[in-house]
Amino acid sequence: GDAVVTLLRRLRERPEWRPREPGEAGAATLAALDAMVTRFRAGGVDPV
């Protein structure tokens, strides 16, 4: 419990840590899919 409390405190202190806005996780997922499709196609693979 002490380790979890310390970890959460340190995560909140990081400047890049913040709760995600609604829809932000979905946008990040689609951006990751964009990157994967680009890499697959560059390697000659048609993704599904």
ModelCIF file with pLDDT and N, C-alpha, C, O atoms, coordinates in Angstrom:
data_MODEL
#
_entry.id   MODEL 
#
_entity.id                         1 
_entity.type                       polymer 
_entity.pdbx_number_of_molecules   1 
#
_entity_poly.entity_id                      1 
_entity_poly.type                           'polypeptide(L)' 
_entity_poly.nstd_linkage                   no 
_entity_poly.nstd_monomer                   no 
_entity_poly.pdbx_seq_one_letter_code       GDAVVTLLRRLRERPEWRPREPGEAGAATLAALDAMVTRFRAGGVDPV 
_entity_poly.pdbx_seq_one_letter_code_can   GDAVVTLLRRLRERPEWRPREPGEAGAATLAALDAMVTRFRAGGVDPV 
_entity_poly.pdbx_strand_id                 A 
#
loop_
_entity_poly_seq.entity_id 
_entity_poly_seq.num 
_entity_poly_seq.mon_id 
_entity_poly_seq.hetero 
1 1  GLY n 
1 2  ASP n 
1 3  ALA n 
1 4  VAL n 
1 5  VAL n 
1 6  THR n 
1 7  LEU n 
1 8  LEU n 
1 9  ARG n 
1 10 ARG n 
1 11 LEU n 
1 12 ARG n 
1 13 GLU n 
1 14 ARG n 
1 15 PRO n 
1 16 GLU n 
1 17 TRP n 
1 18 ARG n 
1 19 PRO n 
1 20 ARG n 
1 21 GLU n 
1 22 PRO n 
1 23 GLY n 
1 24 GLU n 
1 25 ALA n 
1 26 GLY n 
1 27 ALA n 
1 28 ALA n 
1 29 THR n 
1 30 LEU n 
1 31 ALA n 
1 32 ALA n 
1 33 LEU n 
1 34 ASP n 
1 35 ALA n 
1 36 MET n 
1 37 VAL n 
1 38 THR n 
1 39 ARG n 
1 40 PHE n 
1 41 ARG n 
1 42 ALA n 
1 43 GLY n 
1 44 GLY n 
1 45 VAL n 
1 46 ASP n 
1 47 PRO n 
1 48 VAL n 
#
_struct_asym.id          A 
_struct_asym.entity_id   1 
#
loop_
_ma_qa_metric.id 
_ma_qa_metric.mode 
_ma_qa_metric.name 
_ma_qa_metric.software_group_id 
_ma_qa_metric.type 
1 global pLDDT . pLDDT 
2 local  pLDDT . pLDDT 
#
_ma_qa_metric_global.metric_id      1 
_ma_qa_metric_global.metric_value   80.50 
_ma_qa_metric_global.model_id       1 
_ma_qa_metric_global.ordinal_id     1 
#
loop_
_ma_qa_metric_local.label_asym_id 
_ma_qa_metric_local.label_comp_id 
_ma_qa_metric_local.label_seq_id 
_ma_qa_metric_local.metric_id 
_ma_qa_metric_local.metric_value 
_ma_qa_metric_local.model_id 
_ma_qa_metric_local.ordinal_id 
A GLY 1  2 75.00 1 1  
A ASP 2  2 74.00 1 2  
A ALA 3  2 77.00 1 3  
A VAL 4  2 80.00 1 4  
A VAL 5  2 76.00 1 5  
A THR 6  2 76.00 1 6  
A LEU 7  2 76.00 1 7  
A LEU 8  2 78.00 1 8  
A ARG 9  2 75.00 1 9  
A ARG 10 2 72.00 1 10 
A LEU 11 2 73.00 1 11 
A ARG 12 2 72.00 1 12 
A GLU 13 2 71.00 1 13 
A ARG 14 2 66.00 1 14 
A PRO 15 2 59.00 1 15 
A GLU 16 2 65.00 1 16 
A TRP 17 2 59.00 1 17 
A ARG 18 2 62.00 1 18 
A PRO 19 2 61.00 1 19 
A ARG 20 2 63.00 1 20 
A GLU 21 2 67.00 1 21 
A PRO 22 2 61.00 1 22 
A GLY 23 2 71.00 1 23 
A GLU 24 2 74.00 1 24 
A ALA 25 2 76.00 1 25 
A GLY 26 2 80.00 1 26 
A ALA 27 2 83.00 1 27 
A ALA 28 2 83.00 1 28 
A THR 29 2 87.00 1 29 
A LEU 30 2 89.00 1 30 
A ALA 31 2 90.00 1 31 
A ALA 32 2 91.00 1 32 
A LEU 33 2 93.00 1 33 
A ASP 34 2 94.00 1 34 
A ALA 35 2 93.00 1 35 
A MET 36 2 94.00 1 36 
A VAL 37 2 96.00 1 37 
A THR 38 2 95.00 1 38 
A ARG 39 2 94.00 1 39 
A PHE 40 2 94.00 1 40 
A ARG 41 2 96.00 1 41 
A ALA 42 2 96.00 1 42 
A GLY 43 2 95.00 1 43 
A GLY 44 2 94.00 1 44 
A VAL 45 2 91.00 1 45 
A ASP 46 2 91.00 1 46 
A PRO 47 2 93.00 1 47 
A VAL 48 2 93.00 1 48 
#
loop_
_atom_site.group_PDB 
_atom_site.id 
_atom_site.type_symbol 
_atom_site.label_atom_id 
_atom_site.label_alt_id 
_atom_site.label_comp_id 
_atom_site.label_asym_id 
_atom_site.label_entity_id 
_atom_site.label_seq_id 
_atom_site.pdbx_PDB_ins_code 
_atom_site.Cartn_x 
_atom_site.Cartn_y 
_atom_site.Cartn_z 
_atom_site.occupancy 
_atom_site.B_iso_or_equiv 
_atom_site.pdbx_formal_charge 
_atom_site.auth_seq_id 
_atom_site.auth_comp_id 
_atom_site.auth_asym_id 
_atom_site.auth_atom_id 
_atom_site.pdbx_PDB_model_num 
ATOM 1   N N  . GLY A 1 1  ? 0.821   -1.207 0.000   1.00 75.00 ? 1  GLY A N  1 
ATOM 2   C CA . GLY A 1 1  ? 0.000   0.000  0.000   1.00 75.00 ? 1  GLY A CA 1 
ATOM 3   C C  . GLY A 1 1  ? 0.854   1.256  0.000   1.00 75.00 ? 1  GLY A C  1 
ATOM 4   O O  . GLY A 1 1  ? 0.545   2.227  -0.691  1.00 75.00 ? 1  GLY A O  1 
ATOM 5   N N  . ASP A 1 2  ? 1.928   1.233  0.776   1.00 74.00 ? 2  ASP A N  1 
ATOM 6   C CA . ASP A 1 2  ? 2.846   2.367  0.824   1.00 74.00 ? 2  ASP A CA 1 
ATOM 7   C C  . ASP A 1 2  ? 3.504   2.585  -0.535  1.00 74.00 ? 2  ASP A C  1 
ATOM 8   O O  . ASP A 1 2  ? 3.663   3.727  -0.967  1.00 74.00 ? 2  ASP A O  1 
ATOM 9   N N  . ALA A 1 3  ? 3.887   1.505  -1.211  1.00 77.00 ? 3  ALA A N  1 
ATOM 10  C CA . ALA A 1 3  ? 4.506   1.619  -2.531  1.00 77.00 ? 3  ALA A CA 1 
ATOM 11  C C  . ALA A 1 3  ? 3.530   2.188  -3.549  1.00 77.00 ? 3  ALA A C  1 
ATOM 12  O O  . ALA A 1 3  ? 3.915   3.018  -4.373  1.00 77.00 ? 3  ALA A O  1 
ATOM 13  N N  . VAL A 1 4  ? 2.281   1.761  -3.507  1.00 80.00 ? 4  VAL A N  1 
ATOM 14  C CA . VAL A 1 4  ? 1.268   2.257  -4.441  1.00 80.00 ? 4  VAL A CA 1 
ATOM 15  C C  . VAL A 1 4  ? 1.030   3.749  -4.227  1.00 80.00 ? 4  VAL A C  1 
ATOM 16  O O  . VAL A 1 4  ? 0.960   4.509  -5.192  1.00 80.00 ? 4  VAL A O  1 
ATOM 17  N N  . VAL A 1 5  ? 0.906   4.169  -2.979  1.00 76.00 ? 5  VAL A N  1 
ATOM 18  C CA . VAL A 1 5  ? 0.697   5.586  -2.688  1.00 76.00 ? 5  VAL A CA 1 
ATOM 19  C C  . VAL A 1 5  ? 1.876   6.411  -3.185  1.00 76.00 ? 5  VAL A C  1 
ATOM 20  O O  . VAL A 1 5  ? 1.683   7.466  -3.789  1.00 76.00 ? 5  VAL A O  1 
ATOM 21  N N  . THR A 1 6  ? 3.089   5.941  -2.939  1.00 76.00 ? 6  THR A N  1 
ATOM 22  C CA . THR A 1 6  ? 4.283   6.659  -3.403  1.00 76.00 ? 6  THR A CA 1 
ATOM 23  C C  . THR A 1 6  ? 4.334   6.725  -4.921  1.00 76.00 ? 6  THR A C  1 
ATOM 24  O O  . THR A 1 6  ? 4.634   7.779  -5.483  1.00 76.00 ? 6  THR A O  1 
ATOM 25  N N  . LEU A 1 7  ? 4.047   5.617  -5.594  1.00 76.00 ? 7  LEU A N  1 
ATOM 26  C CA . LEU A 1 7  ? 4.049   5.588  -7.051  1.00 76.00 ? 7  LEU A CA 1 
ATOM 27  C C  . LEU A 1 7  ? 3.016   6.548  -7.619  1.00 76.00 ? 7  LEU A C  1 
ATOM 28  O O  . LEU A 1 7  ? 3.327   7.304  -8.538  1.00 76.00 ? 7  LEU A O  1 
ATOM 29  N N  . LEU A 1 8  ? 1.804   6.537  -7.101  1.00 78.00 ? 8  LEU A N  1 
ATOM 30  C CA . LEU A 1 8  ? 0.765   7.435  -7.595  1.00 78.00 ? 8  LEU A CA 1 
ATOM 31  C C  . LEU A 1 8  ? 1.152   8.893  -7.381  1.00 78.00 ? 8  LEU A C  1 
ATOM 32  O O  . LEU A 1 8  ? 0.907   9.729  -8.252  1.00 78.00 ? 8  LEU A O  1 
ATOM 33  N N  . ARG A 1 9  ? 1.743   9.207  -6.252  1.00 75.00 ? 9  ARG A N  1 
ATOM 34  C CA . ARG A 1 9  ? 2.183   10.579 -5.993  1.00 75.00 ? 9  ARG A CA 1 
ATOM 35  C C  . ARG A 1 9  ? 3.236   10.998 -7.016  1.00 75.00 ? 9  ARG A C  1 
ATOM 36  O O  . ARG A 1 9  ? 3.178   12.107 -7.547  1.00 75.00 ? 9  ARG A O  1 
ATOM 37  N N  . ARG A 1 10 ? 4.188   10.127 -7.292  1.00 72.00 ? 10 ARG A N  1 
ATOM 38  C CA . ARG A 1 10 ? 5.239   10.466 -8.256  1.00 72.00 ? 10 ARG A CA 1 
ATOM 39  C C  . ARG A 1 10 ? 4.686   10.597 -9.672  1.00 72.00 ? 10 ARG A C  1 
ATOM 40  O O  . ARG A 1 10 ? 5.120   11.470 -10.423 1.00 72.00 ? 10 ARG A O  1 
ATOM 41  N N  . LEU A 1 11 ? 3.746   9.754  -10.042 1.00 73.00 ? 11 LEU A N  1 
ATOM 42  C CA . LEU A 1 11 ? 3.137   9.870  -11.369 1.00 73.00 ? 11 LEU A CA 1 
ATOM 43  C C  . LEU A 1 11 ? 2.402   11.200 -11.525 1.00 73.00 ? 11 LEU A C  1 
ATOM 44  O O  . LEU A 1 11 ? 2.478   11.830 -12.579 1.00 73.00 ? 11 LEU A O  1 
ATOM 45  N N  . ARG A 1 12 ? 1.695   11.624 -10.488 1.00 72.00 ? 12 ARG A N  1 
ATOM 46  C CA . ARG A 1 12 ? 0.967   12.895 -10.554 1.00 72.00 ? 12 ARG A CA 1 
ATOM 47  C C  . ARG A 1 12 ? 1.914   14.087 -10.636 1.00 72.00 ? 12 ARG A C  1 
ATOM 48  O O  . ARG A 1 12 ? 1.555   15.122 -11.197 1.00 72.00 ? 12 ARG A O  1 
ATOM 49  N N  . GLU A 1 13 ? 3.112   13.955 -10.087 1.00 71.00 ? 13 GLU A N  1 
ATOM 50  C CA . GLU A 1 13 ? 4.068   15.059 -10.101 1.00 71.00 ? 13 GLU A CA 1 
ATOM 51  C C  . GLU A 1 13 ? 4.753   15.209 -11.451 1.00 71.00 ? 13 GLU A C  1 
ATOM 52  O O  . GLU A 1 13 ? 5.299   16.272 -11.747 1.00 71.00 ? 13 GLU A O  1 
ATOM 53  N N  . ARG A 1 14 ? 4.735   14.159 -12.281 1.00 66.00 ? 14 ARG A N  1 
ATOM 54  C CA . ARG A 1 14 ? 5.360   14.255 -13.603 1.00 66.00 ? 14 ARG A CA 1 
ATOM 55  C C  . ARG A 1 14 ? 4.582   15.258 -14.442 1.00 66.00 ? 14 ARG A C  1 
ATOM 56  O O  . ARG A 1 14 ? 3.353   15.203 -14.472 1.00 66.00 ? 14 ARG A O  1 
ATOM 57  N N  . PRO A 1 15 ? 5.261   16.168 -15.120 1.00 59.00 ? 15 PRO A N  1 
ATOM 58  C CA . PRO A 1 15 ? 4.550   17.193 -15.884 1.00 59.00 ? 15 PRO A CA 1 
ATOM 59  C C  . PRO A 1 15 ? 3.676   16.621 -16.999 1.00 59.00 ? 15 PRO A C  1 
ATOM 60  O O  . PRO A 1 15 ? 2.641   17.203 -17.323 1.00 59.00 ? 15 PRO A O  1 
ATOM 61  N N  . GLU A 1 16 ? 4.069   15.495 -17.590 1.00 65.00 ? 16 GLU A N  1 
ATOM 62  C CA . GLU A 1 16 ? 3.276   14.952 -18.693 1.00 65.00 ? 16 GLU A CA 1 
ATOM 63  C C  . GLU A 1 16 ? 2.090   14.124 -18.208 1.00 65.00 ? 16 GLU A C  1 
ATOM 64  O O  . GLU A 1 16 ? 1.248   13.727 -19.014 1.00 65.00 ? 16 GLU A O  1 
ATOM 65  N N  . TRP A 1 17 ? 2.010   13.858 -16.908 1.00 59.00 ? 17 TRP A N  1 
ATOM 66  C CA . TRP A 1 17 ? 0.900   13.056 -16.397 1.00 59.00 ? 17 TRP A CA 1 
ATOM 67  C C  . TRP A 1 17 ? -0.334  13.920 -16.250 1.00 59.00 ? 17 TRP A C  1 
ATOM 68  O O  . TRP A 1 17 ? -0.291  14.997 -15.654 1.00 59.00 ? 17 TRP A O  1 
ATOM 69  N N  . ARG A 1 18 ? -1.419  13.440 -16.793 1.00 62.00 ? 18 ARG A N  1 
ATOM 70  C CA . ARG A 1 18 ? -2.704  14.092 -16.615 1.00 62.00 ? 18 ARG A CA 1 
ATOM 71  C C  . ARG A 1 18 ? -3.779  13.104 -17.020 1.00 62.00 ? 18 ARG A C  1 
ATOM 72  O O  . ARG A 1 18 ? -3.522  12.211 -17.827 1.00 62.00 ? 18 ARG A O  1 
ATOM 73  N N  . PRO A 1 19 ? -4.967  13.243 -16.481 1.00 61.00 ? 19 PRO A N  1 
ATOM 74  C CA . PRO A 1 19 ? -6.058  12.371 -16.918 1.00 61.00 ? 19 PRO A CA 1 
ATOM 75  C C  . PRO A 1 19 ? -6.367  12.638 -18.387 1.00 61.00 ? 19 PRO A C  1 
ATOM 76  O O  . PRO A 1 19 ? -6.270  13.777 -18.845 1.00 61.00 ? 19 PRO A O  1 
ATOM 77  N N  . ARG A 1 20 ? -6.736  11.608 -19.117 1.00 63.00 ? 20 ARG A N  1 
ATOM 78  C CA . ARG A 1 20 ? -7.078  11.778 -20.531 1.00 63.00 ? 20 ARG A CA 1 
ATOM 79  C C  . ARG A 1 20 ? -8.447  12.423 -20.668 1.00 63.00 ? 20 ARG A C  1 
ATOM 80  O O  . ARG A 1 20 ? -9.367  12.163 -19.893 1.00 63.00 ? 20 ARG A O  1 
ATOM 81  N N  . GLU A 1 21 ? -8.546  13.255 -21.663 1.00 67.00 ? 21 GLU A N  1 
ATOM 82  C CA . GLU A 1 21 ? -9.827  13.877 -21.996 1.00 67.00 ? 21 GLU A CA 1 
ATOM 83  C C  . GLU A 1 21 ? -10.708 12.833 -22.680 1.00 67.00 ? 21 GLU A C  1 
ATOM 84  O O  . GLU A 1 21 ? -10.188 11.879 -23.259 1.00 67.00 ? 21 GLU A O  1 
ATOM 85  N N  . PRO A 1 22 ? -12.044 12.997 -22.625 1.00 61.00 ? 22 PRO A N  1 
ATOM 86  C CA . PRO A 1 22 ? -12.914 12.065 -23.347 1.00 61.00 ? 22 PRO A CA 1 
ATOM 87  C C  . PRO A 1 22 ? -12.550 12.044 -24.830 1.00 61.00 ? 22 PRO A C  1 
ATOM 88  O O  . PRO A 1 22 ? -12.373 13.093 -25.450 1.00 61.00 ? 22 PRO A O  1 
ATOM 89  N N  . GLY A 1 23 ? -12.442 10.855 -25.385 1.00 71.00 ? 23 GLY A N  1 
ATOM 90  C CA . GLY A 1 23 ? -12.099 10.708 -26.799 1.00 71.00 ? 23 GLY A CA 1 
ATOM 91  C C  . GLY A 1 23 ? -10.612 10.674 -27.085 1.00 71.00 ? 23 GLY A C  1 
ATOM 92  O O  . GLY A 1 23 ? -10.204 10.278 -28.178 1.00 71.00 ? 23 GLY A O  1 
ATOM 93  N N  . GLU A 1 24 ? -9.795  11.079 -26.128 1.00 74.00 ? 24 GLU A N  1 
ATOM 94  C CA . GLU A 1 24 ? -8.346  11.127 -26.346 1.00 74.00 ? 24 GLU A CA 1 
ATOM 95  C C  . GLU A 1 24 ? -7.751  9.732  -26.512 1.00 74.00 ? 24 GLU A C  1 
ATOM 96  O O  . GLU A 1 24 ? -6.858  9.530  -27.334 1.00 74.00 ? 24 GLU A O  1 
ATOM 97  N N  . ALA A 1 25 ? -8.239  8.779  -25.740 1.00 76.00 ? 25 ALA A N  1 
ATOM 98  C CA . ALA A 1 25 ? -7.723  7.407  -25.857 1.00 76.00 ? 25 ALA A CA 1 
ATOM 99  C C  . ALA A 1 25 ? -8.064  6.838  -27.228 1.00 76.00 ? 25 ALA A C  1 
ATOM 100 O O  . ALA A 1 25 ? -7.235  6.167  -27.843 1.00 76.00 ? 25 ALA A O  1 
ATOM 101 N N  . GLY A 1 26 ? -9.271  7.099  -27.711 1.00 80.00 ? 26 GLY A N  1 
ATOM 102 C CA . GLY A 1 26 ? -9.665  6.619  -29.032 1.00 80.00 ? 26 GLY A CA 1 
ATOM 103 C C  . GLY A 1 26 ? -8.816  7.241  -30.126 1.00 80.00 ? 26 GLY A C  1 
ATOM 104 O O  . GLY A 1 26 ? -8.415  6.557  -31.067 1.00 80.00 ? 26 GLY A O  1 
ATOM 105 N N  . ALA A 1 27 ? -8.538  8.537  -30.007 1.00 83.00 ? 27 ALA A N  1 
ATOM 106 C CA . ALA A 1 27 ? -7.699  9.211  -31.004 1.00 83.00 ? 27 ALA A CA 1 
ATOM 107 C C  . ALA A 1 27 ? -6.291  8.631  -30.993 1.00 83.00 ? 27 ALA A C  1 
ATOM 108 O O  . ALA A 1 27 ? -5.681  8.463  -32.049 1.00 83.00 ? 27 ALA A O  1 
ATOM 109 N N  . ALA A 1 28 ? -5.769  8.324  -29.802 1.00 83.00 ? 28 ALA A N  1 
ATOM 110 C CA . ALA A 1 28 ? -4.428  7.732  -29.700 1.00 83.00 ? 28 ALA A CA 1 
ATOM 111 C C  . ALA A 1 28 ? -4.415  6.339  -30.328 1.00 83.00 ? 28 ALA A C  1 
ATOM 112 O O  . ALA A 1 28 ? -3.435  5.961  -30.970 1.00 83.00 ? 28 ALA A O  1 
ATOM 113 N N  . THR A 1 29 ? -5.484  5.582  -30.151 1.00 87.00 ? 29 THR A N  1 
ATOM 114 C CA . THR A 1 29 ? -5.575  4.253  -30.751 1.00 87.00 ? 29 THR A CA 1 
ATOM 115 C C  . THR A 1 29 ? -5.570  4.346  -32.270 1.00 87.00 ? 29 THR A C  1 
ATOM 116 O O  . THR A 1 29 ? -4.858  3.593  -32.935 1.00 87.00 ? 29 THR A O  1 
ATOM 117 N N  . LEU A 1 30 ? -6.361  5.268  -32.829 1.00 89.00 ? 30 LEU A N  1 
ATOM 118 C CA . LEU A 1 30 ? -6.416  5.414  -34.276 1.00 89.00 ? 30 LEU A CA 1 
ATOM 119 C C  . LEU A 1 30 ? -5.089  5.920  -34.837 1.00 89.00 ? 30 LEU A C  1 
ATOM 120 O O  . LEU A 1 30 ? -4.688  5.532  -35.934 1.00 89.00 ? 30 LEU A O  1 
ATOM 121 N N  . ALA A 1 31 ? -4.416  6.776  -34.092 1.00 90.00 ? 31 ALA A N  1 
ATOM 122 C CA . ALA A 1 31 ? -3.084  7.247  -34.533 1.00 90.00 ? 31 ALA A CA 1 
ATOM 123 C C  . ALA A 1 31 ? -2.099  6.081  -34.548 1.00 90.00 ? 31 ALA A C  1 
ATOM 124 O O  . ALA A 1 31 ? -1.270  5.983  -35.453 1.00 90.00 ? 31 ALA A O  1 
ATOM 125 N N  . ALA A 1 32 ? -2.184  5.200  -33.556 1.00 91.00 ? 32 ALA A N  1 
ATOM 126 C CA . ALA A 1 32 ? -1.311  4.021  -33.520 1.00 91.00 ? 32 ALA A CA 1 
ATOM 127 C C  . ALA A 1 32 ? -1.624  3.101  -34.704 1.00 91.00 ? 32 ALA A C  1 
ATOM 128 O O  . ALA A 1 32 ? -0.710  2.537  -35.306 1.00 91.00 ? 32 ALA A O  1 
ATOM 129 N N  . LEU A 1 33 ? -2.904  2.946  -35.039 1.00 93.00 ? 33 LEU A N  1 
ATOM 130 C CA . LEU A 1 33 ? -3.275  2.142  -36.207 1.00 93.00 ? 33 LEU A CA 1 
ATOM 131 C C  . LEU A 1 33 ? -2.720  2.762  -37.489 1.00 93.00 ? 33 LEU A C  1 
ATOM 132 O O  . LEU A 1 33 ? -2.238  2.047  -38.367 1.00 93.00 ? 33 LEU A O  1 
ATOM 133 N N  . ASP A 1 34 ? -2.786  4.090  -37.596 1.00 94.00 ? 34 ASP A N  1 
ATOM 134 C CA . ASP A 1 34 ? -2.206  4.778  -38.760 1.00 94.00 ? 34 ASP A CA 1 
ATOM 135 C C  . ASP A 1 34 ? -0.736  4.403  -38.919 1.00 94.00 ? 34 ASP A C  1 
ATOM 136 O O  . ASP A 1 34 ? -0.285  4.061  -40.012 1.00 94.00 ? 34 ASP A O  1 
ATOM 137 N N  . ALA A 1 35 ? 0.001   4.472  -37.818 1.00 93.00 ? 35 ALA A N  1 
ATOM 138 C CA . ALA A 1 35 ? 1.440   4.172  -37.858 1.00 93.00 ? 35 ALA A CA 1 
ATOM 139 C C  . ALA A 1 35 ? 1.688   2.714  -38.235 1.00 93.00 ? 35 ALA A C  1 
ATOM 140 O O  . ALA A 1 35 ? 2.596   2.419  -39.012 1.00 93.00 ? 35 ALA A O  1 
ATOM 141 N N  . MET A 1 36 ? 0.883   1.799  -37.684 1.00 94.00 ? 36 MET A N  1 
ATOM 142 C CA . MET A 1 36 ? 1.064   0.380  -37.999 1.00 94.00 ? 36 MET A CA 1 
ATOM 143 C C  . MET A 1 36 ? 0.785   0.100  -39.469 1.00 94.00 ? 36 MET A C  1 
ATOM 144 O O  . MET A 1 36 ? 1.538   -0.632 -40.113 1.00 94.00 ? 36 MET A O  1 
ATOM 145 N N  . VAL A 1 37 ? -0.284  0.671  -40.003 1.00 96.00 ? 37 VAL A N  1 
ATOM 146 C CA . VAL A 1 37 ? -0.626  0.442  -41.405 1.00 96.00 ? 37 VAL A CA 1 
ATOM 147 C C  . VAL A 1 37 ? 0.480   0.974  -42.308 1.00 96.00 ? 37 VAL A C  1 
ATOM 148 O O  . VAL A 1 37 ? 0.841   0.332  -43.295 1.00 96.00 ? 37 VAL A O  1 
ATOM 149 N N  . THR A 1 38 ? 1.014   2.135  -41.977 1.00 95.00 ? 38 THR A N  1 
ATOM 150 C CA . THR A 1 38 ? 2.118   2.699  -42.764 1.00 95.00 ? 38 THR A CA 1 
ATOM 151 C C  . THR A 1 38 ? 3.307   1.751  -42.774 1.00 95.00 ? 38 THR A C  1 
ATOM 152 O O  . THR A 1 38 ? 3.902   1.511  -43.824 1.00 95.00 ? 38 THR A O  1 
ATOM 153 N N  . ARG A 1 39 ? 3.658   1.211  -41.609 1.00 94.00 ? 39 ARG A N  1 
ATOM 154 C CA . ARG A 1 39 ? 4.794   0.281  -41.522 1.00 94.00 ? 39 ARG A CA 1 
ATOM 155 C C  . ARG A 1 39 ? 4.519   -1.023 -42.255 1.00 94.00 ? 39 ARG A C  1 
ATOM 156 O O  . ARG A 1 39 ? 5.386   -1.543 -42.957 1.00 94.00 ? 39 ARG A O  1 
ATOM 157 N N  . PHE A 1 40 ? 3.315   -1.550 -42.091 1.00 94.00 ? 40 PHE A N  1 
ATOM 158 C CA . PHE A 1 40 ? 2.976   -2.801 -42.783 1.00 94.00 ? 40 PHE A CA 1 
ATOM 159 C C  . PHE A 1 40 ? 3.073   -2.624 -44.293 1.00 94.00 ? 40 PHE A C  1 
ATOM 160 O O  . PHE A 1 40 ? 3.690   -3.432 -44.987 1.00 94.00 ? 40 PHE A O  1 
ATOM 161 N N  . ARG A 1 41 ? 2.464   -1.571 -44.785 1.00 96.00 ? 41 ARG A N  1 
ATOM 162 C CA . ARG A 1 41 ? 2.456   -1.341 -46.234 1.00 96.00 ? 41 ARG A CA 1 
ATOM 163 C C  . ARG A 1 41 ? 3.867   -1.077 -46.762 1.00 96.00 ? 41 ARG A C  1 
ATOM 164 O O  . ARG A 1 41 ? 4.202   -1.484 -47.875 1.00 96.00 ? 41 ARG A O  1 
ATOM 165 N N  . ALA A 1 42 ? 4.681   -0.406 -45.972 1.00 96.00 ? 42 ALA A N  1 
ATOM 166 C CA . ALA A 1 42 ? 6.074   -0.173 -46.384 1.00 96.00 ? 42 ALA A CA 1 
ATOM 167 C C  . ALA A 1 42 ? 6.813   -1.505 -46.501 1.00 96.00 ? 42 ALA A C  1 
ATOM 168 O O  . ALA A 1 42 ? 7.748   -1.626 -47.291 1.00 96.00 ? 42 ALA A O  1 
ATOM 169 N N  . GLY A 1 43 ? 6.402   -2.497 -45.726 1.00 95.00 ? 43 GLY A N  1 
ATOM 170 C CA . GLY A 1 43 ? 7.008   -3.824 -45.777 1.00 95.00 ? 43 GLY A CA 1 
ATOM 171 C C  . GLY A 1 43 ? 6.314   -4.760 -46.752 1.00 95.00 ? 43 GLY A C  1 
ATOM 172 O O  . GLY A 1 43 ? 6.638   -5.946 -46.814 1.00 95.00 ? 43 GLY A O  1 
ATOM 173 N N  . GLY A 1 44 ? 5.362   -4.236 -47.513 1.00 94.00 ? 44 GLY A N  1 
ATOM 174 C CA . GLY A 1 44 ? 4.684   -5.060 -48.505 1.00 94.00 ? 44 GLY A CA 1 
ATOM 175 C C  . GLY A 1 44 ? 3.557   -5.912 -47.953 1.00 94.00 ? 44 GLY A C  1 
ATOM 176 O O  . GLY A 1 44 ? 3.154   -6.885 -48.591 1.00 94.00 ? 44 GLY A O  1 
ATOM 177 N N  . VAL A 1 45 ? 3.040   -5.571 -46.785 1.00 91.00 ? 45 VAL A N  1 
ATOM 178 C CA . VAL A 1 45 ? 1.979   -6.353 -46.156 1.00 91.00 ? 45 VAL A CA 1 
ATOM 179 C C  . VAL A 1 45 ? 0.671   -5.577 -46.217 1.00 91.00 ? 45 VAL A C  1 
ATOM 180 O O  . VAL A 1 45 ? 0.634   -4.392 -45.886 1.00 91.00 ? 45 VAL A O  1 
ATOM 181 N N  . ASP A 1 46 ? -0.407  -6.243 -46.641 1.00 91.00 ? 46 ASP A N  1 
ATOM 182 C CA . ASP A 1 46 ? -1.742  -5.647 -46.623 1.00 91.00 ? 46 ASP A CA 1 
ATOM 183 C C  . ASP A 1 46 ? -2.394  -5.994 -45.290 1.00 91.00 ? 46 ASP A C  1 
ATOM 184 O O  . ASP A 1 46 ? -2.709  -7.159 -45.046 1.00 91.00 ? 46 ASP A O  1 
ATOM 185 N N  . PRO A 1 47 ? -2.601  -5.008 -44.430 1.00 93.00 ? 47 PRO A N  1 
ATOM 186 C CA . PRO A 1 47 ? -3.167  -5.302 -43.102 1.00 93.00 ? 47 PRO A CA 1 
ATOM 187 C C  . PRO A 1 47 ? -4.665  -5.593 -43.158 1.00 93.00 ? 47 PRO A C  1 
ATOM 188 O O  . PRO A 1 47 ? -5.365  -5.197 -44.091 1.00 93.00 ? 47 PRO A O  1 
ATOM 189 N N  . VAL A 1 48 ? -5.126  -6.291 -42.139 1.00 93.00 ? 48 VAL A N  1 
ATOM 190 C CA . VAL A 1 48 ? -6.548  -6.565 -41.934 1.00 93.00 ? 48 VAL A CA 1 
ATOM 191 C C  . VAL A 1 48 ? -6.845  -6.153 -40.499 1.00 93.00 ? 48 VAL A C  1 
ATOM 192 O O  . VAL A 1 48 ? -7.983  -6.274 -40.045 1.00 93.00 ? 48 VAL A O  1 
#
